[in-house]
N, C-alpha and C. Protein backbone atom coordinates (compact mmCIF):
# COMPACT_ATOMS: atom_id res chain seq x y z
N MET A 1 0.83 -1.17 0.00
CA MET A 1 0.00 0.00 0.00
C MET A 1 0.88 1.24 0.00
N GLN A 2 0.54 2.18 -0.83
CA GLN A 2 1.25 3.45 -0.88
C GLN A 2 0.29 4.56 -0.48
N ARG A 3 0.77 5.46 0.36
CA ARG A 3 -0.02 6.63 0.73
C ARG A 3 0.70 7.84 0.20
N HIS A 4 -0.03 8.71 -0.45
CA HIS A 4 0.59 9.86 -1.11
C HIS A 4 0.34 11.14 -0.34
N GLU A 5 1.34 11.55 0.44
CA GLU A 5 1.22 12.81 1.17
C GLU A 5 1.43 13.99 0.22
N ASN A 6 2.41 13.86 -0.67
CA ASN A 6 2.65 14.93 -1.64
C ASN A 6 2.29 14.37 -3.02
N LEU A 7 1.12 14.73 -3.48
CA LEU A 7 0.60 14.11 -4.68
C LEU A 7 1.38 14.48 -5.93
N SER A 8 2.18 15.54 -5.89
CA SER A 8 2.92 15.94 -7.09
C SER A 8 4.25 15.21 -7.22
N GLU A 9 4.66 14.50 -6.17
CA GLU A 9 5.98 13.88 -6.20
C GLU A 9 5.94 12.38 -5.89
N ASN A 10 4.85 11.70 -6.23
CA ASN A 10 4.80 10.28 -5.91
C ASN A 10 5.36 9.44 -7.05
N ASN A 11 5.87 8.30 -6.69
CA ASN A 11 6.44 7.39 -7.68
C ASN A 11 5.51 6.22 -7.97
N THR A 12 4.68 5.86 -7.02
CA THR A 12 3.75 4.76 -7.22
C THR A 12 2.49 5.29 -7.87
N ARG A 13 1.93 4.52 -8.76
CA ARG A 13 0.77 4.96 -9.50
C ARG A 13 -0.40 4.01 -9.30
N SER A 14 -1.59 4.54 -9.46
CA SER A 14 -2.77 3.69 -9.54
C SER A 14 -2.81 3.10 -10.94
N LYS A 15 -3.52 1.98 -11.10
CA LYS A 15 -3.57 1.29 -12.38
C LYS A 15 -4.97 1.34 -12.96
N ALA A 16 -5.06 1.16 -14.26
CA ALA A 16 -6.36 1.02 -14.91
C ALA A 16 -6.98 -0.30 -14.48
N GLY A 17 -8.29 -0.36 -14.47
CA GLY A 17 -8.99 -1.59 -14.10
C GLY A 17 -9.21 -1.76 -12.62
N CYS A 18 -9.02 -0.70 -11.84
CA CYS A 18 -9.22 -0.76 -10.38
C CYS A 18 -10.55 -0.13 -9.99
N ASP A 19 -11.08 -0.58 -8.87
CA ASP A 19 -12.22 0.09 -8.26
C ASP A 19 -11.72 1.36 -7.57
N ILE A 20 -12.54 2.41 -7.62
CA ILE A 20 -12.26 3.64 -6.87
C ILE A 20 -13.14 3.62 -5.63
N ILE A 21 -12.50 3.67 -4.49
CA ILE A 21 -13.20 3.63 -3.20
C ILE A 21 -13.06 4.99 -2.54
N VAL A 22 -14.15 5.49 -1.98
CA VAL A 22 -14.10 6.73 -1.20
C VAL A 22 -14.37 6.36 0.25
N TYR A 23 -13.43 6.71 1.12
CA TYR A 23 -13.55 6.44 2.55
C TYR A 23 -13.67 7.77 3.29
N GLY A 24 -14.63 7.86 4.17
CA GLY A 24 -14.84 9.09 4.93
C GLY A 24 -15.83 10.00 4.24
N TYR A 25 -16.01 11.19 4.81
CA TYR A 25 -16.95 12.17 4.28
C TYR A 25 -16.23 13.31 3.59
N ALA A 26 -16.74 13.72 2.45
CA ALA A 26 -16.19 14.89 1.75
C ALA A 26 -16.57 16.16 2.51
N ALA A 27 -15.68 17.13 2.48
CA ALA A 27 -15.91 18.51 2.93
C ALA A 27 -16.15 18.69 4.43
N LEU A 28 -15.88 17.68 5.26
CA LEU A 28 -16.07 17.86 6.70
C LEU A 28 -15.20 18.98 7.27
N PRO A 29 -13.89 19.04 6.94
CA PRO A 29 -13.07 20.13 7.49
C PRO A 29 -13.54 21.51 7.03
N ALA A 30 -14.03 21.60 5.79
CA ALA A 30 -14.55 22.88 5.31
C ALA A 30 -15.77 23.28 6.14
N ALA A 31 -16.64 22.32 6.44
CA ALA A 31 -17.81 22.59 7.27
C ALA A 31 -17.39 23.00 8.68
N THR A 32 -16.38 22.33 9.22
CA THR A 32 -15.87 22.67 10.55
C THR A 32 -15.35 24.11 10.56
N ASP A 33 -14.60 24.48 9.53
CA ASP A 33 -14.07 25.85 9.43
C ASP A 33 -15.21 26.88 9.36
N LEU A 34 -16.24 26.56 8.57
CA LEU A 34 -17.38 27.48 8.45
C LEU A 34 -18.09 27.63 9.80
N LEU A 35 -18.27 26.52 10.50
CA LEU A 35 -18.94 26.58 11.80
C LEU A 35 -18.12 27.39 12.80
N SER A 36 -16.81 27.35 12.66
CA SER A 36 -15.93 28.10 13.56
C SER A 36 -15.96 29.60 13.24
N SER A 37 -15.86 29.93 11.98
CA SER A 37 -15.73 31.35 11.60
C SER A 37 -17.07 32.04 11.34
N GLU A 38 -18.11 31.29 11.00
CA GLU A 38 -19.38 31.90 10.60
C GLU A 38 -20.56 31.41 11.45
N TYR A 39 -20.27 30.95 12.67
CA TYR A 39 -21.33 30.33 13.47
C TYR A 39 -22.53 31.27 13.69
N ALA A 40 -22.28 32.51 14.03
CA ALA A 40 -23.38 33.45 14.31
C ALA A 40 -24.28 33.61 13.09
N ARG A 41 -23.67 33.71 11.94
CA ARG A 41 -24.44 33.86 10.68
C ARG A 41 -25.24 32.58 10.38
N ILE A 42 -24.62 31.42 10.61
CA ILE A 42 -25.29 30.14 10.38
C ILE A 42 -26.47 30.00 11.35
N ALA A 43 -26.25 30.29 12.62
CA ALA A 43 -27.31 30.17 13.63
C ALA A 43 -28.46 31.13 13.33
N GLU A 44 -28.13 32.30 12.82
CA GLU A 44 -29.17 33.27 12.47
C GLU A 44 -30.05 32.74 11.33
N ARG A 45 -29.44 32.06 10.38
CA ARG A 45 -30.20 31.56 9.23
C ARG A 45 -30.94 30.26 9.52
N THR A 46 -30.34 29.38 10.34
CA THR A 46 -30.93 28.05 10.55
C THR A 46 -31.60 27.90 11.92
N GLY A 47 -31.30 28.80 12.83
CA GLY A 47 -31.72 28.66 14.21
C GLY A 47 -30.59 28.02 15.00
N GLN A 48 -30.45 28.42 16.26
CA GLN A 48 -29.31 27.96 17.04
C GLN A 48 -29.35 26.47 17.33
N VAL A 49 -30.54 25.93 17.59
CA VAL A 49 -30.64 24.50 17.89
C VAL A 49 -30.15 23.67 16.70
N TYR A 50 -30.58 24.04 15.50
CA TYR A 50 -30.16 23.29 14.31
C TYR A 50 -28.67 23.48 14.04
N ALA A 51 -28.17 24.70 14.20
CA ALA A 51 -26.74 24.97 14.02
C ALA A 51 -25.90 24.15 15.00
N ASP A 52 -26.37 24.05 16.26
CA ASP A 52 -25.65 23.25 17.25
C ASP A 52 -25.66 21.77 16.88
N ARG A 53 -26.79 21.28 16.34
CA ARG A 53 -26.88 19.88 15.93
C ARG A 53 -25.90 19.59 14.78
N ILE A 54 -25.85 20.48 13.80
CA ILE A 54 -24.90 20.31 12.70
C ILE A 54 -23.47 20.29 13.24
N LYS A 55 -23.18 21.22 14.12
CA LYS A 55 -21.82 21.32 14.70
C LYS A 55 -21.46 20.04 15.45
N TYR A 56 -22.38 19.52 16.25
CA TYR A 56 -22.13 18.29 17.00
C TYR A 56 -21.89 17.11 16.06
N ASN A 57 -22.76 16.94 15.07
CA ASN A 57 -22.64 15.80 14.14
C ASN A 57 -21.35 15.84 13.34
N ILE A 58 -20.99 17.01 12.86
CA ILE A 58 -19.76 17.14 12.06
C ILE A 58 -18.53 16.90 12.94
N SER A 59 -18.56 17.43 14.15
CA SER A 59 -17.45 17.22 15.08
C SER A 59 -17.28 15.74 15.41
N ALA A 60 -18.38 15.03 15.63
CA ALA A 60 -18.32 13.60 15.94
C ALA A 60 -17.74 12.82 14.76
N CYS A 61 -18.10 13.19 13.55
CA CYS A 61 -17.56 12.51 12.36
C CYS A 61 -16.06 12.77 12.21
N MET A 62 -15.64 14.01 12.44
CA MET A 62 -14.21 14.33 12.36
C MET A 62 -13.43 13.54 13.41
N ASP A 63 -13.97 13.44 14.62
CA ASP A 63 -13.31 12.66 15.67
C ASP A 63 -13.17 11.19 15.26
N SER A 64 -14.21 10.63 14.66
CA SER A 64 -14.17 9.23 14.21
C SER A 64 -13.14 9.03 13.13
N LEU A 65 -13.08 9.95 12.16
CA LEU A 65 -12.08 9.84 11.09
C LEU A 65 -10.67 9.85 11.67
N GLU A 66 -10.42 10.78 12.58
CA GLU A 66 -9.09 10.88 13.19
C GLU A 66 -8.78 9.64 14.02
N HIS A 67 -9.78 9.12 14.72
CA HIS A 67 -9.58 7.95 15.58
C HIS A 67 -9.19 6.71 14.77
N TYR A 68 -9.83 6.50 13.63
CA TYR A 68 -9.63 5.27 12.87
C TYR A 68 -8.54 5.35 11.79
N GLU A 69 -8.05 6.56 11.48
CA GLU A 69 -7.16 6.71 10.33
C GLU A 69 -5.95 5.78 10.38
N ALA A 70 -5.21 5.78 11.48
CA ALA A 70 -4.00 4.95 11.57
C ALA A 70 -4.34 3.47 11.48
N GLU A 71 -5.44 3.05 12.11
CA GLU A 71 -5.84 1.64 12.08
C GLU A 71 -6.24 1.21 10.67
N VAL A 72 -6.97 2.06 9.98
CA VAL A 72 -7.38 1.75 8.60
C VAL A 72 -6.17 1.60 7.70
N LEU A 73 -5.25 2.56 7.77
CA LEU A 73 -4.05 2.50 6.93
C LEU A 73 -3.20 1.28 7.25
N SER A 74 -3.07 0.95 8.53
CA SER A 74 -2.29 -0.22 8.94
C SER A 74 -2.93 -1.51 8.41
N ALA A 75 -4.25 -1.63 8.53
CA ALA A 75 -4.94 -2.83 8.07
C ALA A 75 -4.82 -3.00 6.56
N ILE A 76 -4.94 -1.91 5.84
CA ILE A 76 -4.82 -1.98 4.37
C ILE A 76 -3.40 -2.39 3.99
N GLN A 77 -2.41 -1.80 4.66
CA GLN A 77 -1.02 -2.14 4.36
C GLN A 77 -0.75 -3.63 4.57
N LYS A 78 -1.30 -4.20 5.65
CA LYS A 78 -1.07 -5.62 5.95
C LYS A 78 -1.87 -6.55 5.07
N GLU A 79 -3.15 -6.23 4.84
CA GLU A 79 -4.06 -7.17 4.21
C GLU A 79 -4.32 -6.90 2.73
N ASP A 80 -4.03 -5.71 2.27
CA ASP A 80 -4.36 -5.33 0.89
C ASP A 80 -3.25 -4.42 0.34
N PRO A 81 -2.01 -4.92 0.30
CA PRO A 81 -0.86 -4.04 0.02
C PRO A 81 -0.84 -3.44 -1.38
N ASP A 82 -1.62 -3.94 -2.32
CA ASP A 82 -1.65 -3.36 -3.66
C ASP A 82 -2.57 -2.16 -3.77
N THR A 83 -3.33 -1.89 -2.74
CA THR A 83 -4.21 -0.73 -2.73
C THR A 83 -3.38 0.55 -2.63
N VAL A 84 -3.74 1.55 -3.42
CA VAL A 84 -3.05 2.84 -3.39
C VAL A 84 -3.99 3.86 -2.76
N VAL A 85 -3.48 4.62 -1.79
CA VAL A 85 -4.28 5.58 -1.03
C VAL A 85 -3.90 7.00 -1.45
N TRP A 86 -4.92 7.78 -1.79
CA TRP A 86 -4.74 9.18 -2.18
C TRP A 86 -5.54 10.04 -1.21
N PRO A 87 -4.88 10.65 -0.23
CA PRO A 87 -5.61 11.50 0.73
C PRO A 87 -6.20 12.72 0.05
N CYS A 88 -7.38 13.09 0.48
CA CYS A 88 -8.00 14.33 0.01
C CYS A 88 -7.51 15.45 0.91
N GLY A 89 -7.20 16.57 0.35
CA GLY A 89 -6.71 17.71 1.12
C GLY A 89 -7.52 18.95 0.83
N ASP A 90 -6.82 20.07 0.68
CA ASP A 90 -7.47 21.35 0.45
C ASP A 90 -8.22 21.42 -0.87
N ASP A 91 -7.80 20.62 -1.86
CA ASP A 91 -8.47 20.61 -3.16
C ASP A 91 -9.69 19.68 -3.19
N GLY A 92 -9.97 19.01 -2.09
CA GLY A 92 -11.15 18.17 -1.98
C GLY A 92 -11.04 16.85 -2.71
N VAL A 93 -12.17 16.17 -2.80
CA VAL A 93 -12.23 14.85 -3.44
C VAL A 93 -11.87 14.97 -4.92
N PHE A 94 -12.43 15.97 -5.60
CA PHE A 94 -12.11 16.12 -7.03
C PHE A 94 -10.63 16.43 -7.24
N GLY A 95 -10.03 17.18 -6.32
CA GLY A 95 -8.60 17.47 -6.42
C GLY A 95 -7.76 16.21 -6.30
N ALA A 96 -8.12 15.35 -5.33
CA ALA A 96 -7.39 14.09 -5.16
C ALA A 96 -7.55 13.21 -6.40
N LEU A 97 -8.76 13.17 -6.96
CA LEU A 97 -8.98 12.39 -8.18
C LEU A 97 -8.17 12.94 -9.34
N TRP A 98 -8.10 14.26 -9.44
CA TRP A 98 -7.31 14.88 -10.51
C TRP A 98 -5.83 14.50 -10.38
N HIS A 99 -5.29 14.65 -9.17
CA HIS A 99 -3.88 14.33 -8.94
C HIS A 99 -3.62 12.84 -9.23
N MET A 100 -4.54 11.98 -8.80
CA MET A 100 -4.39 10.54 -9.02
C MET A 100 -4.37 10.22 -10.52
N THR A 101 -5.29 10.79 -11.27
CA THR A 101 -5.36 10.48 -12.71
C THR A 101 -4.16 11.07 -13.46
N ALA A 102 -3.77 12.27 -13.08
CA ALA A 102 -2.63 12.91 -13.75
C ALA A 102 -1.33 12.18 -13.46
N ALA A 103 -1.11 11.81 -12.21
CA ALA A 103 0.13 11.12 -11.83
C ALA A 103 0.18 9.70 -12.40
N SER A 104 -0.98 9.07 -12.53
CA SER A 104 -1.03 7.67 -12.95
C SER A 104 -1.29 7.49 -14.44
N HIS A 105 -1.61 8.58 -15.14
CA HIS A 105 -1.90 8.53 -16.58
C HIS A 105 -3.04 7.57 -16.89
N ILE A 106 -4.13 7.73 -16.13
CA ILE A 106 -5.31 6.90 -16.33
C ILE A 106 -6.55 7.78 -16.34
N GLY A 107 -7.66 7.19 -16.73
CA GLY A 107 -8.95 7.87 -16.69
C GLY A 107 -9.81 7.30 -15.59
N ILE A 108 -10.99 7.90 -15.42
CA ILE A 108 -11.93 7.42 -14.42
C ILE A 108 -13.37 7.55 -14.92
N HIS A 109 -14.21 6.71 -14.40
CA HIS A 109 -15.67 6.88 -14.45
C HIS A 109 -16.11 6.86 -13.00
N LEU A 110 -16.78 7.92 -12.55
CA LEU A 110 -17.14 8.03 -11.14
C LEU A 110 -18.56 8.54 -11.00
N ASP A 111 -19.34 7.90 -10.15
CA ASP A 111 -20.69 8.34 -9.83
C ASP A 111 -20.62 9.28 -8.63
N VAL A 112 -20.80 10.57 -8.88
CA VAL A 112 -20.63 11.58 -7.84
C VAL A 112 -21.62 11.38 -6.69
N ARG A 113 -22.78 10.80 -6.96
CA ARG A 113 -23.78 10.59 -5.91
C ARG A 113 -23.33 9.59 -4.86
N LYS A 114 -22.31 8.81 -5.17
CA LYS A 114 -21.83 7.82 -4.20
C LYS A 114 -20.79 8.39 -3.23
N ILE A 115 -20.29 9.58 -3.51
CA ILE A 115 -19.32 10.20 -2.60
C ILE A 115 -20.05 10.59 -1.31
N PRO A 116 -19.60 10.06 -0.17
CA PRO A 116 -20.32 10.33 1.09
C PRO A 116 -20.25 11.79 1.52
N LEU A 117 -21.41 12.34 1.83
CA LEU A 117 -21.54 13.71 2.33
C LEU A 117 -22.55 13.71 3.48
N ARG A 118 -22.30 14.50 4.50
CA ARG A 118 -23.27 14.70 5.57
C ARG A 118 -24.28 15.76 5.13
N GLN A 119 -25.52 15.61 5.53
CA GLN A 119 -26.55 16.58 5.14
C GLN A 119 -26.20 17.98 5.63
N GLY A 120 -25.68 18.09 6.85
CA GLY A 120 -25.28 19.40 7.36
C GLY A 120 -24.19 20.04 6.53
N THR A 121 -23.28 19.23 6.04
CA THR A 121 -22.20 19.74 5.18
C THR A 121 -22.78 20.28 3.88
N ILE A 122 -23.71 19.55 3.30
CA ILE A 122 -24.34 20.01 2.06
C ILE A 122 -25.01 21.36 2.29
N GLU A 123 -25.75 21.48 3.38
CA GLU A 123 -26.46 22.72 3.67
C GLU A 123 -25.49 23.89 3.88
N LEU A 124 -24.40 23.65 4.60
CA LEU A 124 -23.42 24.72 4.81
C LEU A 124 -22.75 25.12 3.50
N CYS A 125 -22.39 24.13 2.70
CA CYS A 125 -21.75 24.44 1.41
C CYS A 125 -22.71 25.23 0.51
N ASN A 126 -23.98 24.86 0.51
CA ASN A 126 -24.96 25.62 -0.27
C ASN A 126 -25.09 27.05 0.25
N MET A 127 -25.09 27.20 1.57
CA MET A 127 -25.25 28.51 2.18
C MET A 127 -24.10 29.45 1.80
N PHE A 128 -22.88 28.89 1.68
CA PHE A 128 -21.71 29.72 1.40
C PHE A 128 -21.18 29.51 -0.02
N ASP A 129 -22.01 28.94 -0.87
CA ASP A 129 -21.69 28.78 -2.29
C ASP A 129 -20.35 28.05 -2.52
N LEU A 130 -20.17 26.92 -1.82
CA LEU A 130 -18.99 26.09 -1.98
C LEU A 130 -19.38 24.77 -2.64
N ASN A 131 -18.51 24.28 -3.50
CA ASN A 131 -18.72 22.95 -4.07
C ASN A 131 -18.14 21.95 -3.08
N PRO A 132 -18.96 21.07 -2.48
CA PRO A 132 -18.45 20.15 -1.45
C PRO A 132 -17.41 19.15 -1.96
N TYR A 133 -17.36 18.96 -3.27
CA TYR A 133 -16.39 18.02 -3.84
C TYR A 133 -15.06 18.69 -4.17
N ARG A 134 -15.05 20.02 -4.12
CA ARG A 134 -13.84 20.78 -4.45
C ARG A 134 -13.30 21.57 -3.27
N THR A 135 -13.81 21.31 -2.09
CA THR A 135 -13.36 22.06 -0.93
C THR A 135 -12.67 21.13 0.07
N LYS A 136 -12.03 21.72 1.03
CA LYS A 136 -11.19 21.03 2.02
C LYS A 136 -11.84 19.75 2.55
N SER A 137 -11.14 18.62 2.37
CA SER A 137 -11.70 17.32 2.74
C SER A 137 -10.68 16.42 3.43
N ASN A 138 -9.76 17.02 4.18
CA ASN A 138 -8.77 16.23 4.91
C ASN A 138 -9.48 15.17 5.75
N GLY A 139 -8.89 13.98 5.81
CA GLY A 139 -9.50 12.86 6.53
C GLY A 139 -10.23 11.92 5.59
N CYS A 140 -10.73 12.44 4.50
CA CYS A 140 -11.35 11.62 3.46
C CYS A 140 -10.23 11.07 2.57
N MET A 141 -10.41 9.86 2.05
CA MET A 141 -9.38 9.23 1.21
C MET A 141 -10.00 8.61 -0.04
N ILE A 142 -9.23 8.67 -1.11
CA ILE A 142 -9.54 7.93 -2.33
C ILE A 142 -8.59 6.74 -2.36
N LEU A 143 -9.12 5.55 -2.59
CA LEU A 143 -8.30 4.35 -2.69
C LEU A 143 -8.57 3.70 -4.03
N THR A 144 -7.54 3.15 -4.63
CA THR A 144 -7.74 2.34 -5.84
C THR A 144 -7.30 0.92 -5.52
N SER A 145 -8.17 -0.02 -5.87
CA SER A 145 -7.94 -1.41 -5.52
C SER A 145 -8.40 -2.31 -6.65
N LEU A 146 -7.65 -3.38 -6.89
CA LEU A 146 -8.05 -4.36 -7.89
C LEU A 146 -9.26 -5.16 -7.41
N CYS A 147 -9.50 -5.19 -6.11
CA CYS A 147 -10.68 -5.85 -5.56
C CYS A 147 -11.28 -4.94 -4.50
N GLY A 148 -12.08 -3.98 -4.98
CA GLY A 148 -12.65 -2.98 -4.08
C GLY A 148 -13.51 -3.57 -2.99
N ALA A 149 -14.23 -4.65 -3.29
CA ALA A 149 -15.10 -5.26 -2.27
C ALA A 149 -14.28 -5.73 -1.07
N ARG A 150 -13.08 -6.29 -1.33
CA ARG A 150 -12.22 -6.74 -0.23
C ARG A 150 -11.74 -5.54 0.58
N THR A 151 -11.34 -4.46 -0.10
CA THR A 151 -10.86 -3.27 0.59
C THR A 151 -11.96 -2.67 1.45
N VAL A 152 -13.17 -2.58 0.91
CA VAL A 152 -14.31 -2.06 1.67
C VAL A 152 -14.57 -2.93 2.89
N GLU A 153 -14.49 -4.24 2.72
CA GLU A 153 -14.71 -5.17 3.83
C GLU A 153 -13.68 -4.97 4.94
N ILE A 154 -12.42 -4.79 4.56
CA ILE A 154 -11.35 -4.55 5.55
C ILE A 154 -11.64 -3.28 6.34
N ILE A 155 -11.97 -2.20 5.62
CA ILE A 155 -12.20 -0.91 6.29
C ILE A 155 -13.44 -0.98 7.18
N ASN A 156 -14.49 -1.61 6.69
CA ASN A 156 -15.71 -1.74 7.50
C ASN A 156 -15.46 -2.53 8.77
N ARG A 157 -14.62 -3.55 8.68
CA ARG A 157 -14.30 -4.35 9.86
C ARG A 157 -13.54 -3.50 10.87
N VAL A 158 -12.53 -2.77 10.40
CA VAL A 158 -11.70 -1.96 11.30
C VAL A 158 -12.52 -0.85 11.95
N THR A 159 -13.37 -0.19 11.18
CA THR A 159 -14.14 0.95 11.69
C THR A 159 -15.47 0.52 12.30
N GLU A 160 -15.73 -0.78 12.29
CA GLU A 160 -16.98 -1.33 12.81
C GLU A 160 -18.19 -0.70 12.13
N GLY A 161 -18.00 -0.33 10.85
CA GLY A 161 -19.09 0.24 10.07
C GLY A 161 -19.49 1.64 10.48
N CYS A 162 -18.65 2.32 11.28
CA CYS A 162 -19.00 3.66 11.78
C CYS A 162 -18.82 4.76 10.74
N LEU A 163 -18.01 4.51 9.73
CA LEU A 163 -17.72 5.52 8.72
C LEU A 163 -18.00 4.95 7.33
N PRO A 164 -18.40 5.81 6.41
CA PRO A 164 -18.72 5.31 5.08
C PRO A 164 -17.48 4.90 4.30
N CYS A 165 -17.65 3.87 3.52
CA CYS A 165 -16.60 3.39 2.64
C CYS A 165 -17.32 2.74 1.45
N VAL A 166 -17.23 3.37 0.28
CA VAL A 166 -18.03 2.91 -0.86
C VAL A 166 -17.21 2.85 -2.14
N ILE A 167 -17.59 1.92 -2.99
CA ILE A 167 -17.03 1.90 -4.35
C ILE A 167 -17.83 2.89 -5.17
N ALA A 168 -17.15 3.93 -5.67
CA ALA A 168 -17.84 5.02 -6.37
C ALA A 168 -17.57 5.03 -7.87
N GLY A 169 -16.66 4.18 -8.34
CA GLY A 169 -16.35 4.17 -9.76
C GLY A 169 -15.19 3.25 -10.04
N TYR A 170 -14.54 3.49 -11.17
CA TYR A 170 -13.42 2.64 -11.57
C TYR A 170 -12.45 3.44 -12.44
N THR A 171 -11.22 2.93 -12.48
CA THR A 171 -10.18 3.54 -13.31
C THR A 171 -10.13 2.82 -14.65
N LEU A 172 -9.65 3.54 -15.68
CA LEU A 172 -9.57 2.94 -17.00
C LEU A 172 -8.39 3.50 -17.77
N LYS A 173 -8.02 2.78 -18.82
CA LYS A 173 -6.94 3.25 -19.69
C LYS A 173 -7.41 4.50 -20.41
N GLY A 174 -6.46 5.34 -20.76
CA GLY A 174 -6.80 6.57 -21.46
C GLY A 174 -6.90 7.74 -20.51
N LYS A 175 -7.41 8.84 -21.02
CA LYS A 175 -7.43 10.07 -20.22
C LYS A 175 -8.83 10.57 -19.91
N GLU A 176 -9.85 9.80 -20.22
CA GLU A 176 -11.22 10.25 -19.98
C GLU A 176 -11.50 10.29 -18.48
N LYS A 177 -11.84 11.48 -17.99
CA LYS A 177 -12.11 11.66 -16.55
C LYS A 177 -13.58 12.05 -16.42
N LEU A 178 -14.44 11.06 -16.41
CA LEU A 178 -15.88 11.29 -16.48
C LEU A 178 -16.53 11.21 -15.11
N ILE A 179 -17.27 12.27 -14.76
CA ILE A 179 -18.04 12.34 -13.52
C ILE A 179 -19.51 12.25 -13.91
N ILE A 180 -20.21 11.28 -13.33
CA ILE A 180 -21.60 11.02 -13.68
C ILE A 180 -22.50 11.41 -12.51
N ASN A 181 -23.58 12.14 -12.83
CA ASN A 181 -24.58 12.53 -11.83
C ASN A 181 -25.95 12.29 -12.45
N ARG A 182 -26.51 11.14 -12.16
CA ARG A 182 -27.75 10.67 -12.78
C ARG A 182 -27.58 10.65 -14.29
N ASP A 183 -28.35 11.47 -15.01
CA ASP A 183 -28.25 11.48 -16.48
C ASP A 183 -27.23 12.48 -17.00
N GLU A 184 -26.64 13.27 -16.10
CA GLU A 184 -25.67 14.27 -16.51
C GLU A 184 -24.26 13.70 -16.45
N MET A 185 -23.44 14.10 -17.41
CA MET A 185 -22.04 13.70 -17.42
C MET A 185 -21.19 14.95 -17.61
N GLN A 186 -20.11 15.02 -16.87
CA GLN A 186 -19.16 16.11 -17.05
C GLN A 186 -17.76 15.56 -16.89
N TYR A 187 -16.79 16.33 -17.36
CA TYR A 187 -15.39 15.90 -17.23
C TYR A 187 -14.76 16.58 -16.03
N LEU A 188 -13.96 15.81 -15.30
CA LEU A 188 -13.22 16.33 -14.16
C LEU A 188 -12.24 17.39 -14.66
N THR A 189 -12.22 18.52 -14.00
CA THR A 189 -11.31 19.61 -14.39
C THR A 189 -10.24 19.81 -13.34
N LYS A 190 -9.17 20.42 -13.77
CA LYS A 190 -8.01 20.67 -12.90
C LYS A 190 -8.39 21.59 -11.75
N PRO A 191 -7.90 21.33 -10.53
CA PRO A 191 -8.17 22.23 -9.40
C PRO A 191 -7.62 23.63 -9.67
N GLN A 192 -8.28 24.63 -9.14
CA GLN A 192 -7.81 26.01 -9.31
C GLN A 192 -6.44 26.15 -8.65
N GLY A 193 -5.60 26.97 -9.27
CA GLY A 193 -4.27 27.22 -8.72
C GLY A 193 -3.20 26.27 -9.21
N LEU A 194 -3.54 25.30 -10.03
CA LEU A 194 -2.52 24.38 -10.57
C LEU A 194 -2.13 24.79 -11.98
């Protein structure tokens, strides 16, 4: 298993013909930042009780991600060493996918509806006009595996099913980076600033 801390300087690549697995929730850190810096504005729009509930739920999810991260990575390294892990960072899930495809010279087909998101995160991103797939998502990971079902099973066992882990698409030869949302299709674009 390879984990890519610096996505621009990795030597190991993902391969075509792999399942793309998304572990964790997209945009949780962005939601946490918004709750920290814009809490009064959020509470004014949603009501304090609802704002507090969103804050509690997002905080609990972040704690779970941090708690299980080392165990998940260790289990994958031991039991599924061919899996390649691409952490999501400030560029979000789409940024990690872009770096993965560019570094590995492969394409993807991905169903965006399968990327795990918390309802509170969606609402906050809508409120502040942020794309939840392109915003800060530290703790969330993209994994490529020749047997995604096995990788998902390993992660679910380690996390006791407390965090989402789903097969959201697959890698393929060529450069087609297709994102599917029901009947709509779009191509993955480069993160801003690259």
